[in-house]
Amino acid sequence: MARCELTNSDRIGIKHAREALARSRETRMVDPMVMARVIGRLEASLADVLEILDPDGGTE
């Protein structure tokens, strides 16, 4: 159960973050380019989820 009201856009962002995490677990990280791509996707997903959780960026 969600702790706050989520919009459809929020749900999509969370879904994409879960997919990026699942892909990162399945990826062999022997190639530096592959590793960089996975890390970039995880960074973007984390930023999206943080924006959902704290839109003000902790500047309260």
Protein backbone atom coordinates (compact mmCIF):
# COMPACT_ATOMS: atom_id res chain seq x y z
CA MET A 1 0.00 0.00 0.00
CA ALA A 2 1.31 3.44 -0.93
CA ARG A 3 2.05 5.91 1.84
CA CYS A 4 0.93 8.81 -0.32
CA GLU A 5 -1.33 9.41 -3.27
CA LEU A 6 0.42 8.40 -6.47
CA THR A 7 -0.48 9.70 -9.90
CA ASN A 8 -0.38 7.50 -12.99
CA SER A 9 2.86 9.24 -13.94
CA ASP A 10 4.32 8.36 -10.52
CA ARG A 11 3.36 4.72 -10.97
CA ILE A 12 5.01 4.65 -14.39
CA GLY A 13 8.20 6.14 -12.95
CA ILE A 14 8.25 3.54 -10.18
CA LYS A 15 7.59 0.75 -12.70
CA HIS A 16 10.53 1.93 -14.82
CA ALA A 17 12.76 2.09 -11.74
CA ARG A 18 11.85 -1.49 -10.83
CA GLU A 19 12.56 -2.60 -14.40
CA ALA A 20 15.94 -0.84 -14.39
CA LEU A 21 16.84 -2.55 -11.12
CA ALA A 22 15.79 -5.94 -12.45
CA ARG A 23 17.81 -5.42 -15.66
CA SER A 24 20.87 -4.38 -13.64
CA ARG A 25 20.69 -7.61 -11.65
CA GLU A 26 20.58 -9.66 -14.86
CA THR A 27 23.40 -7.81 -16.63
CA ARG A 28 26.97 -9.02 -16.69
CA MET A 29 29.09 -6.01 -15.80
CA VAL A 30 32.34 -7.09 -17.47
CA ASP A 31 32.08 -4.48 -20.24
CA PRO A 32 32.72 -0.92 -18.94
CA MET A 33 30.26 0.55 -21.48
CA VAL A 34 27.50 -1.80 -20.34
CA MET A 35 28.26 -0.97 -16.71
CA ALA A 36 28.14 2.77 -17.43
CA ARG A 37 24.81 2.42 -19.23
CA VAL A 38 23.29 0.43 -16.34
CA ILE A 39 24.57 2.92 -13.76
CA GLY A 40 23.14 5.79 -15.80
CA ARG A 41 19.73 4.14 -15.95
CA LEU A 42 19.80 3.47 -12.20
CA GLU A 43 20.78 7.09 -11.50
CA ALA A 44 17.93 8.39 -13.64
CA SER A 45 15.46 6.01 -12.01
CA LEU A 46 16.61 6.97 -8.53
CA ALA A 47 16.24 10.66 -9.37
CA ASP A 48 12.68 10.04 -10.60
CA VAL A 49 11.72 8.10 -7.47
CA LEU A 50 13.24 10.77 -5.20
CA GLU A 51 11.25 13.42 -7.05
CA ILE A 52 8.07 11.42 -6.40
CA LEU A 53 8.88 11.04 -2.69
CA ASP A 54 10.20 14.55 -2.05
CA PRO A 55 9.32 17.02 -4.84
CA ASP A 56 10.91 19.94 -2.95
CA GLY A 57 14.25 18.17 -2.77
CA GLY A 58 14.47 18.32 1.01
CA THR A 59 14.54 22.12 1.13
CA GLU A 60 11.80 22.44 3.72
